[in-house]
Amino acid sequence: MRRTPLPPDALDDIDRALINRLQDGIELTSHPFAAIAADLGLSESEVVERVALMRELGAITRFGPFLDAKAMGGEFCLCAMEVPEARFEEVMTLVNAHPEVAHNYERIHRLNMWFVLACDRPDDIDKTADRIEAETGLTVLRFPKLKEFYIGFRVNA
């Protein structure tokens, strides 16, 4: 589903601090949100509720681990498509049905759909992109990663 932009006041300072804190990683324990809650002066249940609400609002679109496919023998590839506006929802549904699709974003550009393929094996990138082309009848442009950059993400509180 396509989302409308959130109003600037949709998140409070605690939400923004939580987003920033989550960027620092989560400890793998039986209570992974306990340390985050302590850092922010919240209860563990408040942290869980805030993350769930931010997901529901669309302030965060994904919450989960970042796995390095290449370190595990796989590969990532940024892909783009030129999707006719009248077919956007249909094509988005077809693309997102593939478990290899890690992210999918609409852009206001001729290439209006951008997504990332994360595959167990490097040769599965082309196989998955070829399947998407066959299902949609549209070309999938492939932009393989040449170099990794970590830019970090912080929200002003």
C-alpha atoms as a PDB file:
ATOM      1  CA  MET A   1       0.000   0.000   0.000  1.00  0.00           C
ATOM      2  CA  ARG A   2       1.312   3.465  -0.843  1.00  0.00           C
ATOM      3  CA  ARG A   3       1.575   5.803   2.093  1.00  0.00           C
ATOM      4  CA  THR A   4       0.989   9.525   2.394  1.00  0.00           C
ATOM      5  CA  PRO A   5       3.713  11.556   4.133  1.00  0.00           C
ATOM      6  CA  LEU A   6       3.436  11.922   7.899  1.00  0.00           C
ATOM      7  CA  PRO A   7       2.864  15.383   9.332  1.00  0.00           C
ATOM      8  CA  PRO A   8       6.012  16.830  10.958  1.00  0.00           C
ATOM      9  CA  ASP A   9       4.502  16.493  14.460  1.00  0.00           C
ATOM     10  CA  ALA A  10       3.532  12.799  14.080  1.00  0.00           C
ATOM     11  CA  LEU A  11       6.510  11.774  16.218  1.00  0.00           C
ATOM     12  CA  ASP A  12       7.417  13.235  19.586  1.00  0.00           C
ATOM     13  CA  ASP A  13      10.932  13.703  20.994  1.00  0.00           C
ATOM     14  CA  ILE A  14      10.822  10.274  22.664  1.00  0.00           C
ATOM     15  CA  ASP A  15       9.928   8.586  19.350  1.00  0.00           C
ATOM     16  CA  ARG A  16      12.813  10.381  17.664  1.00  0.00           C
ATOM     17  CA  ALA A  17      15.235   9.402  20.445  1.00  0.00           C
ATOM     18  CA  LEU A  18      13.981   5.808  20.166  1.00  0.00           C
ATOM     19  CA  ILE A  19      14.596   5.732  16.416  1.00  0.00           C
ATOM     20  CA  ASN A  20      18.128   7.014  17.005  1.00  0.00           C
ATOM     21  CA  ARG A  21      18.770   4.488  19.782  1.00  0.00           C
ATOM     22  CA  LEU A  22      17.527   1.595  17.637  1.00  0.00           C
ATOM     23  CA  GLN A  23      20.157   2.511  15.019  1.00  0.00           C
ATOM     24  CA  ASP A  24      22.845   1.569  17.562  1.00  0.00           C
ATOM     25  CA  GLY A  25      21.762  -2.073  17.627  1.00  0.00           C
ATOM     26  CA  ILE A  26      19.765  -4.333  19.889  1.00  0.00           C
ATOM     27  CA  GLU A  27      21.300  -6.813  22.272  1.00  0.00           C
ATOM     28  CA  LEU A  28      20.348 -10.443  21.635  1.00  0.00           C
ATOM     29  CA  THR A  29      18.845 -11.376  24.997  1.00  0.00           C
ATOM     30  CA  SER A  30      15.545 -12.706  26.319  1.00  0.00           C
ATOM     31  CA  HIS A  31      14.502  -9.052  26.896  1.00  0.00           C
ATOM     32  CA  PRO A  32      16.111  -7.119  24.026  1.00  0.00           C
ATOM     33  CA  PHE A  33      14.178  -3.910  24.693  1.00  0.00           C
ATOM     34  CA  ALA A  34      15.104  -3.675  28.395  1.00  0.00           C
ATOM     35  CA  ALA A  35      18.429  -1.878  27.833  1.00  0.00           C
ATOM     36  CA  ILE A  36      16.851   0.486  25.305  1.00  0.00           C
ATOM     37  CA  ALA A  37      14.025   1.241  27.740  1.00  0.00           C
ATOM     38  CA  ALA A  38      16.524   1.955  30.527  1.00  0.00           C
ATOM     39  CA  ASP A  39      18.551   4.248  28.248  1.00  0.00           C
ATOM     40  CA  LEU A  40      15.435   6.275  27.419  1.00  0.00           C
ATOM     41  CA  GLY A  41      13.738   6.220  30.843  1.00  0.00           C
ATOM     42  CA  LEU A  42      10.835   4.128  29.547  1.00  0.00           C
ATOM     43  CA  SER A  43       9.366   0.766  30.421  1.00  0.00           C
ATOM     44  CA  GLU A  44      10.057  -2.178  28.156  1.00  0.00           C
ATOM     45  CA  SER A  45       6.383  -2.328  27.153  1.00  0.00           C
ATOM     46  CA  GLU A  46       6.425   1.397  26.224  1.00  0.00           C
ATOM     47  CA  VAL A  47       9.323   0.755  23.844  1.00  0.00           C
ATOM     48  CA  VAL A  48       7.492  -2.152  22.202  1.00  0.00           C
ATOM     49  CA  GLU A  49       4.263  -0.111  21.934  1.00  0.00           C
ATOM     50  CA  ARG A  50       6.061   2.889  20.415  1.00  0.00           C
ATOM     51  CA  VAL A  51       7.845   0.733  17.827  1.00  0.00           C
ATOM     52  CA  ALA A  52       4.525  -0.920  16.913  1.00  0.00           C
ATOM     53  CA  LEU A  53       2.783   2.461  16.584  1.00  0.00           C
ATOM     54  CA  MET A  54       5.578   3.914  14.451  1.00  0.00           C
ATOM     55  CA  ARG A  55       5.274   0.858  12.177  1.00  0.00           C
ATOM     56  CA  GLU A  56       1.498   1.320  11.992  1.00  0.00           C
ATOM     57  CA  LEU A  57       1.891   5.026  11.154  1.00  0.00           C
ATOM     58  CA  GLY A  58       4.499   4.272   8.518  1.00  0.00           C
ATOM     59  CA  ALA A  59       7.171   6.296  10.336  1.00  0.00           C
ATOM     60  CA  ILE A  60       9.306   3.171  10.132  1.00  0.00           C
ATOM     61  CA  THR A  61       8.637   0.791   7.277  1.00  0.00           C
ATOM     62  CA  ARG A  62      10.643  -2.171   8.468  1.00  0.00           C
ATOM     63  CA  PHE A  63      11.798  -3.359  11.854  1.00  0.00           C
ATOM     64  CA  GLY A  64      14.188  -6.274  11.985  1.00  0.00           C
ATOM     65  CA  PRO A  65      17.790  -7.318  11.708  1.00  0.00           C
ATOM     66  CA  PHE A  66      20.052  -6.232   8.904  1.00  0.00           C
ATOM     67  CA  LEU A  67      21.717  -9.346   7.556  1.00  0.00           C
ATOM     68  CA  ASP A  68      24.823  -9.124   5.404  1.00  0.00           C
ATOM     69  CA  ALA A  69      23.897 -11.387   2.503  1.00  0.00           C
ATOM     70  CA  LYS A  70      27.371 -11.189   0.966  1.00  0.00           C
ATOM     71  CA  ALA A  71      29.065 -12.333   4.197  1.00  0.00           C
ATOM     72  CA  MET A  72      26.763 -15.377   4.119  1.00  0.00           C
ATOM     73  CA  GLY A  73      27.570 -16.196   0.477  1.00  0.00           C
ATOM     74  CA  GLY A  74      24.656 -14.272  -1.045  1.00  0.00           C
ATOM     75  CA  GLU A  75      24.274 -10.955  -2.814  1.00  0.00           C
ATOM     76  CA  PHE A  76      22.309  -7.689  -2.852  1.00  0.00           C
ATOM     77  CA  CYS A  77      21.263  -5.760  -5.930  1.00  0.00           C
ATOM     78  CA  LEU A  78      19.437  -2.444  -6.285  1.00  0.00           C
ATOM     79  CA  CYS A  79      16.785  -2.652  -8.997  1.00  0.00           C
ATOM     80  CA  ALA A  80      14.547  -0.109 -10.710  1.00  0.00           C
ATOM     81  CA  MET A  81      11.505  -0.282 -12.950  1.00  0.00           C
ATOM     82  CA  GLU A  82       9.455   2.129 -15.013  1.00  0.00           C
ATOM     83  CA  VAL A  83       5.905   1.220 -13.996  1.00  0.00           C
ATOM     84  CA  PRO A  84       2.840   2.796 -15.631  1.00  0.00           C
ATOM     85  CA  GLU A  85       0.897   4.678 -12.949  1.00  0.00           C
ATOM     86  CA  ALA A  86      -2.271   2.702 -13.679  1.00  0.00           C
ATOM     87  CA  ARG A  87      -0.399  -0.563 -12.926  1.00  0.00           C
ATOM     88  CA  PHE A  88       1.665   0.597  -9.958  1.00  0.00           C
ATOM     89  CA  GLU A  89      -0.344  -1.183  -7.234  1.00  0.00           C
ATOM     90  CA  GLU A  90      -0.559  -4.393  -9.283  1.00  0.00           C
ATOM     91  CA  VAL A  91       3.175  -4.449 -10.045  1.00  0.00           C
ATOM     92  CA  MET A  92       4.067  -3.528  -6.453  1.00  0.00           C
ATOM     93  CA  THR A  93       2.050  -6.529  -5.229  1.00  0.00           C
ATOM     94  CA  LEU A  94       3.771  -8.856  -7.714  1.00  0.00           C
ATOM     95  CA  VAL A  95       7.249  -7.573  -6.827  1.00  0.00           C
ATOM     96  CA  ASN A  96       6.642  -7.653  -3.074  1.00  0.00           C
ATOM     97  CA  ALA A  97       5.424 -11.270  -3.273  1.00  0.00           C
ATOM     98  CA  HIS A  98       9.025 -12.348  -3.839  1.00  0.00           C
ATOM     99  CA  PRO A  99      10.769 -13.168  -0.545  1.00  0.00           C
ATOM    100  CA  GLU A 100      14.024 -11.871  -2.042  1.00  0.00           C
ATOM    101  CA  VAL A 101      12.645  -8.300  -2.124  1.00  0.00           C
ATOM    102  CA  ALA A 102      14.103  -6.546   0.915  1.00  0.00           C
ATOM    103  CA  HIS A 103      12.822  -2.995   0.247  1.00  0.00           C
ATOM    104  CA  ASN A 104      10.501  -1.442  -2.306  1.00  0.00           C
ATOM    105  CA  TYR A 105      10.043   2.308  -2.727  1.00  0.00           C
ATOM    106  CA  GLU A 106       8.069   4.550  -5.042  1.00  0.00           C
ATOM    107  CA  ARG A 107       9.949   7.506  -6.517  1.00  0.00           C
ATOM    108  CA  ILE A 108       8.691  10.465  -8.501  1.00  0.00           C
ATOM    109  CA  HIS A 109      10.805   9.823 -11.556  1.00  0.00           C
ATOM    110  CA  ARG A 110      10.572   7.937 -14.823  1.00  0.00           C
ATOM    111  CA  LEU A 111      12.041   4.985 -12.901  1.00  0.00           C
ATOM    112  CA  ASN A 112       9.332   5.108 -10.265  1.00  0.00           C
ATOM    113  CA  MET A 113       9.814   1.759  -8.491  1.00  0.00           C
ATOM    114  CA  TRP A 114      13.090   0.938  -6.735  1.00  0.00           C
ATOM    115  CA  PHE A 115      13.698  -2.225  -4.750  1.00  0.00           C
ATOM    116  CA  VAL A 116      16.533  -4.288  -3.324  1.00  0.00           C
ATOM    117  CA  LEU A 117      16.973  -7.976  -4.024  1.00  0.00           C
ATOM    118  CA  ALA A 118      18.747  -9.963  -1.308  1.00  0.00           C
ATOM    119  CA  CYS A 119      19.507 -13.502  -2.469  1.00  0.00           C
ATOM    120  CA  ASP A 120      21.173 -16.551  -0.927  1.00  0.00           C
ATOM    121  CA  ARG A 121      23.360 -17.016  -4.002  1.00  0.00           C
ATOM    122  CA  PRO A 122      24.669 -14.353  -6.391  1.00  0.00           C
ATOM    123  CA  ASP A 123      23.184 -16.079  -9.469  1.00  0.00           C
ATOM    124  CA  ASP A 124      19.714 -15.867  -7.882  1.00  0.00           C
ATOM    125  CA  ILE A 125      19.690 -12.085  -8.462  1.00  0.00           C
ATOM    126  CA  ASP A 126      19.248 -12.520 -12.207  1.00  0.00           C
ATOM    127  CA  LYS A 127      16.836 -15.450 -11.770  1.00  0.00           C
ATOM    128  CA  THR A 128      14.581 -13.415  -9.460  1.00  0.00           C
ATOM    129  CA  ALA A 129      14.745 -10.278 -11.623  1.00  0.00           C
ATOM    130  CA  ASP A 130      13.956 -12.396 -14.695  1.00  0.00           C
ATOM    131  CA  ARG A 131      10.899 -13.876 -12.917  1.00  0.00           C
ATOM    132  CA  ILE A 132       9.690 -10.376 -12.011  1.00  0.00           C
ATOM    133  CA  GLU A 133      10.100  -9.302 -15.650  1.00  0.00           C
ATOM    134  CA  ALA A 134       8.123 -12.355 -16.828  1.00  0.00           C
ATOM    135  CA  GLU A 135       5.333 -11.713 -14.305  1.00  0.00           C
ATOM    136  CA  THR A 136       5.021  -7.976 -14.955  1.00  0.00           C
ATOM    137  CA  GLY A 137       6.071  -7.671 -18.600  1.00  0.00           C
ATOM    138  CA  LEU A 138       8.356  -4.812 -17.498  1.00  0.00           C
ATOM    139  CA  THR A 139      12.135  -4.472 -17.567  1.00  0.00           C
ATOM    140  CA  VAL A 140      14.009  -4.728 -14.267  1.00  0.00           C
ATOM    141  CA  LEU A 141      17.158  -2.590 -14.374  1.00  0.00           C
ATOM    142  CA  ARG A 142      19.900  -4.000 -12.138  1.00  0.00           C
ATOM    143  CA  PHE A 143      22.464  -1.921 -10.279  1.00  0.00           C
ATOM    144  CA  PRO A 144      24.804  -4.292  -8.439  1.00  0.00           C
ATOM    145  CA  LYS A 145      26.634  -2.959  -5.402  1.00  0.00           C
ATOM    146  CA  LEU A 146      30.220  -2.028  -6.224  1.00  0.00           C
ATOM    147  CA  LYS A 147      31.185  -0.679  -2.804  1.00  0.00           C
ATOM    148  CA  GLU A 148      29.483  -0.636   0.599  1.00  0.00           C
ATOM    149  CA  PHE A 149      28.892   2.601   2.481  1.00  0.00           C
ATOM    150  CA  TYR A 150      27.388   2.988   5.935  1.00  0.00           C
ATOM    151  CA  ILE A 151      25.881   6.431   6.282  1.00  0.00           C
ATOM    152  CA  GLY A 152      23.993   6.033   9.550  1.00  0.00           C
ATOM    153  CA  PHE A 153      20.634   7.600  10.218  1.00  0.00           C
ATOM    154  CA  ARG A 154      19.697  10.057  12.922  1.00  0.00           C
ATOM    155  CA  VAL A 155      16.519  12.036  13.523  1.00  0.00           C
ATOM    156  CA  ASN A 156      16.647  15.445  15.167  1.00  0.00           C
ATOM    157  CA  ALA A 157      14.999  15.266  18.583  1.00  0.00           C
END
